PDB file of all heavy atoms in Angstrom:
ATOM      1  N   ALA A   1      14.033   2.699 -11.584  1.00  0.00           N
ATOM      2  CA  ALA A   1      13.728   1.779 -12.687  1.00  0.00           C
ATOM      3  C   ALA A   1      14.579   2.115 -13.909  1.00  0.00           C
ATOM      4  O   ALA A   1      15.137   1.223 -14.564  1.00  0.00           O
ATOM      5  CB  ALA A   1      12.241   1.852 -13.026  1.00  0.00           C
ATOM      6  N   LEU A   2      14.689   3.404 -14.222  1.00  0.00           N
ATOM      7  CA  LEU A   2      15.498   3.815 -15.369  1.00  0.00           C
ATOM      8  C   LEU A   2      16.978   3.544 -15.137  1.00  0.00           C
ATOM      9  O   LEU A   2      17.690   3.066 -16.035  1.00  0.00           O
ATOM     10  CB  LEU A   2      15.274   5.304 -15.644  1.00  0.00           C
ATOM     11  CG  LEU A   2      13.910   5.679 -16.241  1.00  0.00           C
ATOM     12  CD1 LEU A   2      13.749   7.191 -16.241  1.00  0.00           C
ATOM     13  CD2 LEU A   2      13.760   5.117 -17.648  1.00  0.00           C
ATOM     14  N   ARG A   3      17.449   3.836 -13.944  1.00  0.00           N
ATOM     15  CA  ARG A   3      18.884   3.662 -13.659  1.00  0.00           C
ATOM     16  C   ARG A   3      19.306   2.197 -13.679  1.00  0.00           C
ATOM     17  O   ARG A   3      20.410   1.849 -14.123  1.00  0.00           O
ATOM     18  CB  ARG A   3      19.210   4.283 -12.290  1.00  0.00           C
ATOM     19  CG  ARG A   3      20.661   4.097 -11.836  1.00  0.00           C
ATOM     20  CD  ARG A   3      21.634   4.740 -12.796  1.00  0.00           C
ATOM     21  NE  ARG A   3      23.016   4.596 -12.350  1.00  0.00           N
ATOM     22  CZ  ARG A   3      23.778   3.538 -12.603  1.00  0.00           C
ATOM     23  NH1 ARG A   3      23.279   2.509 -13.289  1.00  0.00           N
ATOM     24  NH2 ARG A   3      25.031   3.499 -12.174  1.00  0.00           N
ATOM     25  N   LEU A   4      18.435   1.300 -13.213  1.00  0.00           N
ATOM     26  CA  LEU A   4      18.810  -0.102 -13.061  1.00  0.00           C
ATOM     27  C   LEU A   4      18.316  -0.996 -14.194  1.00  0.00           C
ATOM     28  O   LEU A   4      18.659  -2.176 -14.252  1.00  0.00           O
ATOM     29  CB  LEU A   4      18.279  -0.625 -11.722  1.00  0.00           C
ATOM     30  CG  LEU A   4      18.814   0.111 -10.485  1.00  0.00           C
ATOM     31  CD1 LEU A   4      18.165  -0.434  -9.219  1.00  0.00           C
ATOM     32  CD2 LEU A   4      20.336   0.013 -10.384  1.00  0.00           C
ATOM     33  N   ALA A   5      17.524  -0.440 -15.114  1.00  0.00           N
ATOM     34  CA  ALA A   5      17.003  -1.235 -16.233  1.00  0.00           C
ATOM     35  C   ALA A   5      18.100  -1.924 -17.047  1.00  0.00           C
ATOM     36  O   ALA A   5      17.934  -3.092 -17.438  1.00  0.00           O
ATOM     37  CB  ALA A   5      16.128  -0.364 -17.133  1.00  0.00           C
ATOM     38  N   PRO A   6      19.225  -1.260 -17.344  1.00  0.00           N
ATOM     39  CA  PRO A   6      20.266  -1.937 -18.129  1.00  0.00           C
ATOM     40  C   PRO A   6      20.817  -3.196 -17.468  1.00  0.00           C
ATOM     41  O   PRO A   6      21.381  -4.056 -18.150  1.00  0.00           O
ATOM     42  CB  PRO A   6      21.354  -0.868 -18.273  1.00  0.00           C
ATOM     43  CG  PRO A   6      20.622   0.431 -18.149  1.00  0.00           C
ATOM     44  CD  PRO A   6      19.573   0.173 -17.126  1.00  0.00           C
ATOM     45  N   LEU A   7      20.644  -3.315 -16.163  1.00  0.00           N
ATOM     46  CA  LEU A   7      21.125  -4.491 -15.438  1.00  0.00           C
ATOM     47  C   LEU A   7      20.041  -5.546 -15.265  1.00  0.00           C
ATOM     48  O   LEU A   7      20.278  -6.586 -14.650  1.00  0.00           O
ATOM     49  CB  LEU A   7      21.665  -4.078 -14.068  1.00  0.00           C
ATOM     50  CG  LEU A   7      22.849  -3.113 -14.085  1.00  0.00           C
ATOM     51  CD1 LEU A   7      23.206  -2.692 -12.672  1.00  0.00           C
ATOM     52  CD2 LEU A   7      24.051  -3.759 -14.761  1.00  0.00           C
ATOM     53  N   GLY A   8      18.843  -5.277 -15.783  1.00  0.00           N
ATOM     54  CA  GLY A   8      17.760  -6.236 -15.660  1.00  0.00           C
ATOM     55  C   GLY A   8      17.128  -6.290 -14.287  1.00  0.00           C
ATOM     56  O   GLY A   8      16.426  -7.251 -13.957  1.00  0.00           O
ATOM     57  N   ILE A   9      17.361  -5.266 -13.473  1.00  0.00           N
ATOM     58  CA  ILE A   9      16.796  -5.214 -12.124  1.00  0.00           C
ATOM     59  C   ILE A   9      15.436  -4.514 -12.201  1.00  0.00           C
ATOM     60  O   ILE A   9      15.352  -3.357 -12.588  1.00  0.00           O
ATOM     61  CB  ILE A   9      17.727  -4.467 -11.153  1.00  0.00           C
ATOM     62  CG1 ILE A   9      19.080  -5.193 -11.057  1.00  0.00           C
ATOM     63  CG2 ILE A   9      17.079  -4.342  -9.776  1.00  0.00           C
ATOM     64  CD1 ILE A   9      20.137  -4.406 -10.303  1.00  0.00           C
ATOM     65  N   GLY A  10      14.390  -5.223 -11.846  1.00  0.00           N
ATOM     66  CA  GLY A  10      13.054  -4.647 -11.889  1.00  0.00           C
ATOM     67  C   GLY A  10      12.786  -3.777 -10.673  1.00  0.00           C
ATOM     68  O   GLY A  10      13.117  -4.154  -9.545  1.00  0.00           O
ATOM     69  N   VAL A  11      12.189  -2.630 -10.897  1.00  0.00           N
ATOM     70  CA  VAL A  11      11.862  -1.698  -9.814  1.00  0.00           C
ATOM     71  C   VAL A  11      10.376  -1.368  -9.913  1.00  0.00           C
ATOM     72  O   VAL A  11       9.900  -0.955 -10.978  1.00  0.00           O
ATOM     73  CB  VAL A  11      12.702  -0.409  -9.900  1.00  0.00           C
ATOM     74  CG1 VAL A  11      12.408   0.510  -8.717  1.00  0.00           C
ATOM     75  CG2 VAL A  11      14.199  -0.746  -9.947  1.00  0.00           C
ATOM     76  N   PHE A  12       9.654  -1.540  -8.814  1.00  0.00           N
ATOM     77  CA  PHE A  12       8.203  -1.451  -8.845  1.00  0.00           C
ATOM     78  C   PHE A  12       7.662  -0.686  -7.635  1.00  0.00           C
ATOM     79  O   PHE A  12       8.322  -0.602  -6.599  1.00  0.00           O
ATOM     80  CB  PHE A  12       7.577  -2.852  -8.851  1.00  0.00           C
ATOM     81  CG  PHE A  12       8.125  -3.764  -9.908  1.00  0.00           C
ATOM     82  CD1 PHE A  12       9.163  -4.647  -9.622  1.00  0.00           C
ATOM     83  CD2 PHE A  12       7.620  -3.731 -11.197  1.00  0.00           C
ATOM     84  CE1 PHE A  12       9.676  -5.494 -10.587  1.00  0.00           C
ATOM     85  CE2 PHE A  12       8.133  -4.567 -12.179  1.00  0.00           C
ATOM     86  CZ  PHE A  12       9.159  -5.453 -11.880  1.00  0.00           C
ATOM     87  N   GLU A  13       6.438  -0.212  -7.801  1.00  0.00           N
ATOM     88  CA  GLU A  13       5.721   0.426  -6.696  1.00  0.00           C
ATOM     89  C   GLU A  13       4.408  -0.317  -6.485  1.00  0.00           C
ATOM     90  O   GLU A  13       3.671  -0.575  -7.435  1.00  0.00           O
ATOM     91  CB  GLU A  13       5.441   1.890  -7.012  1.00  0.00           C
ATOM     92  CG  GLU A  13       4.686   2.627  -5.900  1.00  0.00           C
ATOM     93  CD  GLU A  13       4.261   4.028  -6.315  1.00  0.00           C
ATOM     94  OE1 GLU A  13       4.517   4.423  -7.475  1.00  0.00           O
ATOM     95  OE2 GLU A  13       3.653   4.720  -5.475  1.00  0.00           O
ATOM     96  N   VAL A  14       4.119  -0.642  -5.237  1.00  0.00           N
ATOM     97  CA  VAL A  14       2.859  -1.262  -4.859  1.00  0.00           C
ATOM     98  C   VAL A  14       2.103  -0.271  -3.975  1.00  0.00           C
ATOM     99  O   VAL A  14       2.645   0.228  -2.991  1.00  0.00           O
ATOM    100  CB  VAL A  14       3.086  -2.593  -4.115  1.00  0.00           C
ATOM    101  CG1 VAL A  14       1.774  -3.126  -3.543  1.00  0.00           C
ATOM    102  CG2 VAL A  14       3.710  -3.627  -5.045  1.00  0.00           C
ATOM    103  N   ARG A  15       0.853   0.012  -4.357  1.00  0.00           N
ATOM    104  CA  ARG A  15       0.053   1.000  -3.625  1.00  0.00           C
ATOM    105  C   ARG A  15      -1.114   0.316  -2.918  1.00  0.00           C
ATOM    106  O   ARG A  15      -2.163   0.074  -3.516  1.00  0.00           O
ATOM    107  CB  ARG A  15      -0.473   2.069  -4.582  1.00  0.00           C
ATOM    108  CG  ARG A  15       0.619   2.937  -5.179  1.00  0.00           C
ATOM    109  CD  ARG A  15       0.031   4.006  -6.092  1.00  0.00           C
ATOM    110  NE  ARG A  15       1.088   4.860  -6.641  1.00  0.00           N
ATOM    111  CZ  ARG A  15       0.890   5.823  -7.533  1.00  0.00           C
ATOM    112  NH1 ARG A  15      -0.354   6.063  -7.985  1.00  0.00           N
ATOM    113  NH2 ARG A  15       1.901   6.545  -7.977  1.00  0.00           N
ATOM    114  N   PRO A  16      -0.968   0.016  -1.632  1.00  0.00           N
ATOM    115  CA  PRO A  16      -2.094  -0.544  -0.884  1.00  0.00           C
ATOM    116  C   PRO A  16      -3.174   0.507  -0.655  1.00  0.00           C
ATOM    117  O   PRO A  16      -2.908   1.709  -0.601  1.00  0.00           O
ATOM    118  CB  PRO A  16      -1.468  -0.959   0.450  1.00  0.00           C
ATOM    119  CG  PRO A  16       0.016  -0.974   0.200  1.00  0.00           C
ATOM    120  CD  PRO A  16       0.259   0.061  -0.839  1.00  0.00           C
ATOM    121  N   GLY A  17      -4.406   0.013  -0.505  1.00  0.00           N
ATOM    122  CA  GLY A  17      -5.515   0.880  -0.144  1.00  0.00           C
ATOM    123  C   GLY A  17      -5.755   0.830   1.350  1.00  0.00           C
ATOM    124  O   GLY A  17      -4.837   1.027   2.148  1.00  0.00           O
ATOM    125  N   VAL A  18      -6.979   0.557   1.753  1.00  0.00           N
ATOM    126  CA  VAL A  18      -7.342   0.501   3.169  1.00  0.00           C
ATOM    127  C   VAL A  18      -7.020  -0.908   3.674  1.00  0.00           C
ATOM    128  O   VAL A  18      -7.735  -1.865   3.376  1.00  0.00           O
ATOM    129  CB  VAL A  18      -8.831   0.829   3.364  1.00  0.00           C
ATOM    130  CG1 VAL A  18      -9.177   0.853   4.852  1.00  0.00           C
ATOM    131  CG2 VAL A  18      -9.175   2.169   2.724  1.00  0.00           C
ATOM    132  N   ILE A  19      -5.925  -1.020   4.413  1.00  0.00           N
ATOM    133  CA  ILE A  19      -5.421  -2.321   4.851  1.00  0.00           C
ATOM    134  C   ILE A  19      -5.569  -2.445   6.366  1.00  0.00           C
ATOM    135  O   ILE A  19      -5.197  -1.523   7.108  1.00  0.00           O
ATOM    136  CB  ILE A  19      -3.939  -2.501   4.457  1.00  0.00           C
ATOM    137  CG1 ILE A  19      -3.735  -2.208   2.951  1.00  0.00           C
ATOM    138  CG2 ILE A  19      -3.468  -3.906   4.812  1.00  0.00           C
ATOM    139  CD1 ILE A  19      -4.458  -3.144   2.023  1.00  0.00           C
ATOM    140  N   ARG A  20      -6.075  -3.562   6.823  1.00  0.00           N
ATOM    141  CA  ARG A  20      -6.277  -3.793   8.260  1.00  0.00           C
ATOM    142  C   ARG A  20      -4.949  -4.217   8.891  1.00  0.00           C
ATOM    143  O   ARG A  20      -4.482  -5.336   8.696  1.00  0.00           O
ATOM    144  CB  ARG A  20      -7.348  -4.863   8.479  1.00  0.00           C
ATOM    145  CG  ARG A  20      -7.875  -4.946   9.912  1.00  0.00           C
ATOM    146  CD  ARG A  20      -8.643  -3.688  10.262  1.00  0.00           C
ATOM    147  NE  ARG A  20      -9.135  -3.691  11.618  1.00  0.00           N
ATOM    148  CZ  ARG A  20     -10.422  -3.956  11.939  1.00  0.00           C
ATOM    149  NH1 ARG A  20     -11.291  -4.250  10.994  1.00  0.00           N
ATOM    150  NH2 ARG A  20     -10.793  -3.902  13.192  1.00  0.00           N
ATOM    151  N   THR A  21      -4.335  -3.314   9.628  1.00  0.00           N
ATOM    152  CA  THR A  21      -3.058  -3.551  10.296  1.00  0.00           C
ATOM    153  C   THR A  21      -3.082  -2.848  11.650  1.00  0.00           C
ATOM    154  O   THR A  21      -3.994  -2.053  11.928  1.00  0.00           O
ATOM    155  CB  THR A  21      -1.877  -2.982   9.483  1.00  0.00           C
ATOM    156  OG1 THR A  21      -1.935  -1.543   9.508  1.00  0.00           O
ATOM    157  CG2 THR A  21      -1.874  -3.480   8.044  1.00  0.00           C
ATOM    158  N   PRO A  22      -2.072  -3.079  12.492  1.00  0.00           N
ATOM    159  CA  PRO A  22      -2.007  -2.328  13.750  1.00  0.00           C
ATOM    160  C   PRO A  22      -1.984  -0.816  13.533  1.00  0.00           C
ATOM    161  O   PRO A  22      -2.498  -0.059  14.365  1.00  0.00           O
ATOM    162  CB  PRO A  22      -0.696  -2.834  14.380  1.00  0.00           C
ATOM    163  CG  PRO A  22      -0.559  -4.228  13.866  1.00  0.00           C
ATOM    164  CD  PRO A  22      -1.066  -4.169  12.454  1.00  0.00           C
ATOM    165  N   MET A  23      -1.423  -0.349  12.416  1.00  0.00           N
ATOM    166  CA  MET A  23      -1.343   1.091  12.163  1.00  0.00           C
ATOM    167  C   MET A  23      -2.717   1.704  11.918  1.00  0.00           C
ATOM    168  O   MET A  23      -2.935   2.886  12.164  1.00  0.00           O
ATOM    169  CB  MET A  23      -0.419   1.371  10.969  1.00  0.00           C
ATOM    170  CG  MET A  23      -0.161   2.855  10.720  1.00  0.00           C
ATOM    171  SD  MET A  23       0.977   3.164   9.341  1.00  0.00           S
ATOM    172  CE  MET A  23       2.517   2.611  10.058  1.00  0.00           C
ATOM    173  N   THR A  24      -3.662   0.899  11.415  1.00  0.00           N
ATOM    174  CA  THR A  24      -4.994   1.433  11.104  1.00  0.00           C
ATOM    175  C   THR A  24      -6.028   1.128  12.192  1.00  0.00           C
ATOM    176  O   THR A  24      -7.210   1.469  12.027  1.00  0.00           O
ATOM    177  CB  THR A  24      -5.507   0.879   9.761  1.00  0.00           C
ATOM    178  OG1 THR A  24      -5.510  -0.551   9.798  1.00  0.00           O
ATOM    179  CG2 THR A  24      -4.633   1.349   8.613  1.00  0.00           C
ATOM    180  N   GLU A  25      -5.595   0.526  13.283  1.00  0.00           N
ATOM    181  CA  GLU A  25      -6.553   0.181  14.332  1.00  0.00           C
ATOM    182  C   GLU A  25      -7.264   1.418  14.872  1.00  0.00           C
ATOM    183  O   GLU A  25      -8.451   1.371  15.208  1.00  0.00           O
ATOM    184  CB  GLU A  25      -5.856  -0.571  15.470  1.00  0.00           C
ATOM    185  CG  GLU A  25      -5.612  -2.035  15.178  1.00  0.00           C
ATOM    186  CD  GLU A  25      -6.893  -2.789  14.840  1.00  0.00           C
ATOM    187  OE1 GLU A  25      -7.884  -2.645  15.578  1.00  0.00           O
ATOM    188  OE2 GLU A  25      -6.905  -3.503  13.826  1.00  0.00           O
ATOM    189  N   GLY A  26      -6.550   2.524  14.975  1.00  0.00           N
ATOM    190  CA  GLY A  26      -7.143   3.726  15.542  1.00  0.00           C
ATOM    191  C   GLY A  26      -8.274   4.315  14.716  1.00  0.00           C
ATOM    192  O   GLY A  26      -9.093   5.084  15.244  1.00  0.00           O
ATOM    193  N   VAL A  27      -8.330   3.999  13.433  1.00  0.00           N
ATOM    194  CA  VAL A  27      -9.383   4.530  12.552  1.00  0.00           C
ATOM    195  C   VAL A  27     -10.243   3.399  11.985  1.00  0.00           C
ATOM    196  O   VAL A  27     -10.977   3.595  11.019  1.00  0.00           O
ATOM    197  CB  VAL A  27      -8.769   5.361  11.394  1.00  0.00           C
ATOM    198  CG1 VAL A  27      -8.128   6.624  11.941  1.00  0.00           C
ATOM    199  CG2 VAL A  27      -7.745   4.536  10.607  1.00  0.00           C
ATOM    200  N   ALA A  28     -10.179   2.222  12.612  1.00  0.00           N
ATOM    201  CA  ALA A  28     -10.893   1.059  12.079  1.00  0.00           C
ATOM    202  C   ALA A  28     -12.397   1.292  12.040  1.00  0.00           C
ATOM    203  O   ALA A  28     -13.068   0.923  11.063  1.00  0.00           O
ATOM    204  CB  ALA A  28     -10.566  -0.183  12.902  1.00  0.00           C
ATOM    205  N   GLY A  29     -12.945   1.888  13.092  1.00  0.00           N
ATOM    206  CA  GLY A  29     -14.381   2.132  13.123  1.00  0.00           C
ATOM    207  C   GLY A  29     -14.833   3.042  11.992  1.00  0.00           C
ATOM    208  O   GLY A  29     -15.851   2.788  11.330  1.00  0.00           O
ATOM    209  N   LYS A  30     -14.055   4.096  11.751  1.00  0.00           N
ATOM    210  CA  LYS A  30     -14.369   5.029  10.679  1.00  0.00           C
ATOM    211  C   LYS A  30     -14.383   4.321   9.324  1.00  0.00           C
ATOM    212  O   LYS A  30     -15.318   4.498   8.526  1.00  0.00           O
ATOM    213  CB  LYS A  30     -13.350   6.158  10.670  1.00  0.00           C
ATOM    214  CG  LYS A  30     -13.373   7.036   9.436  1.00  0.00           C
ATOM    215  CD  LYS A  30     -12.206   8.016   9.434  1.00  0.00           C
ATOM    216  CE  LYS A  30     -12.108   8.768   8.118  1.00  0.00           C
ATOM    217  NZ  LYS A  30     -10.943   9.691   8.089  1.00  0.00           N
ATOM    218  N   TYR A  31     -13.379   3.494   9.076  1.00  0.00           N
ATOM    219  CA  TYR A  31     -13.295   2.835   7.778  1.00  0.00           C
ATOM    220  C   TYR A  31     -14.260   1.663   7.651  1.00  0.00           C
ATOM    221  O   TYR A  31     -14.682   1.325   6.540  1.00  0.00           O
ATOM    222  CB  TYR A  31     -11.854   2.428   7.471  1.00  0.00           C
ATOM    223  CG  TYR A  31     -11.051   3.594   6.961  1.00  0.00           C
ATOM    224  CD1 TYR A  31     -10.108   4.224   7.765  1.00  0.00           C
ATOM    225  CD2 TYR A  31     -11.266   4.094   5.686  1.00  0.00           C
ATOM    226  CE1 TYR A  31      -9.387   5.318   7.304  1.00  0.00           C
ATOM    227  CE2 TYR A  31     -10.547   5.184   5.212  1.00  0.00           C
ATOM    228  CZ  TYR A  31      -9.613   5.793   6.021  1.00  0.00           C
ATOM    229  OH  TYR A  31      -8.912   6.885   5.559  1.00  0.00           O
ATOM    230  N   ASP A  32     -14.634   1.040   8.773  1.00  0.00           N
ATOM    231  CA  ASP A  32     -15.709   0.041   8.709  1.00  0.00           C
ATOM    232  C   ASP A  32     -16.967   0.674   8.117  1.00  0.00           C
ATOM    233  O   ASP A  32     -17.632   0.088   7.236  1.00  0.00           O
ATOM    234  CB  ASP A  32     -16.014  -0.502  10.108  1.00  0.00           C
ATOM    235  CG  ASP A  32     -15.007  -1.528  10.587  1.00  0.00           C
ATOM    236  OD1 ASP A  32     -14.314  -2.121   9.738  1.00  0.00           O
ATOM    237  OD2 ASP A  32     -14.924  -1.738  11.808  1.00  0.00           O
ATOM    238  N   GLU A  33     -17.290   1.872   8.592  1.00  0.00           N
ATOM    239  CA  GLU A  33     -18.481   2.566   8.110  1.00  0.00           C
ATOM    240  C   GLU A  33     -18.333   2.987   6.649  1.00  0.00           C
ATOM    241  O   GLU A  33     -19.261   2.825   5.844  1.00  0.00           O
ATOM    242  CB  GLU A  33     -18.750   3.798   8.981  1.00  0.00           C
ATOM    243  CG  GLU A  33     -19.131   3.471  10.412  1.00  0.00           C
ATOM    244  CD  GLU A  33     -19.376   4.717  11.233  1.00  0.00           C
ATOM    245  OE1 GLU A  33     -19.272   5.835  10.669  1.00  0.00           O
ATOM    246  OE2 GLU A  33     -19.652   4.586  12.444  1.00  0.00           O
ATOM    247  N   ARG A  34     -17.172   3.502   6.287  1.00  0.00           N
ATOM    248  CA  ARG A  34     -16.972   3.979   4.921  1.00  0.00           C
ATOM    249  C   ARG A  34     -16.947   2.830   3.915  1.00  0.00           C
ATOM    250  O   ARG A  34     -17.445   2.952   2.792  1.00  0.00           O
ATOM    251  CB  ARG A  34     -15.680   4.794   4.828  1.00  0.00           C
ATOM    252  CG  ARG A  34     -15.720   6.081   5.651  1.00  0.00           C
ATOM    253  CD  ARG A  34     -14.619   7.020   5.265  1.00  0.00           C
ATOM    254  NE  ARG A  34     -14.797   7.504   3.891  1.00  0.00           N
ATOM    255  CZ  ARG A  34     -13.882   8.215   3.234  1.00  0.00           C
ATOM    256  NH1 ARG A  34     -12.733   8.515   3.827  1.00  0.00           N
ATOM    257  NH2 ARG A  34     -14.107   8.616   1.993  1.00  0.00           N
ATOM    258  N   ILE A  35     -16.384   1.698   4.325  1.00  0.00           N
ATOM    259  CA  ILE A  35     -16.397   0.526   3.446  1.00  0.00           C
ATOM    260  C   ILE A  35     -17.832   0.025   3.270  1.00  0.00           C
ATOM    261  O   ILE A  35     -18.252  -0.327   2.159  1.00  0.00           O
ATOM    262  CB  ILE A  35     -15.474  -0.576   4.007  1.00  0.00           C
ATOM    263  CG1 ILE A  35     -14.003  -0.134   3.896  1.00  0.00           C
ATOM    264  CG2 ILE A  35     -15.682  -1.900   3.257  1.00  0.00           C
ATOM    265  CD1 ILE A  35     -13.031  -1.030   4.637  1.00  0.00           C
ATOM    266  N   ALA A  36     -18.587   0.020   4.351  1.00  0.00           N
ATOM    267  CA  ALA A  36     -19.994  -0.382   4.256  1.00  0.00           C
ATOM    268  C   ALA A  36     -20.782   0.556   3.355  1.00  0.00           C
ATOM    269  O   ALA A  36     -21.745   0.138   2.695  1.00  0.00           O
ATOM    270  CB  ALA A  36     -20.617  -0.419   5.653  1.00  0.00           C
TER     271      ALA A  36
END
C-alpha cells in the first residue's frame, strides 16, 4: 500500500471468518456446533 500509493493503486486485505467452502468441509460439523 505504501509503495504503490503514489500511483493511486489501492492495496487491501480482506479477512474472511468461518466460510463454507470445500476446504472447510472436513470441519463443518465442528463449526456447525460452535456457530450454534
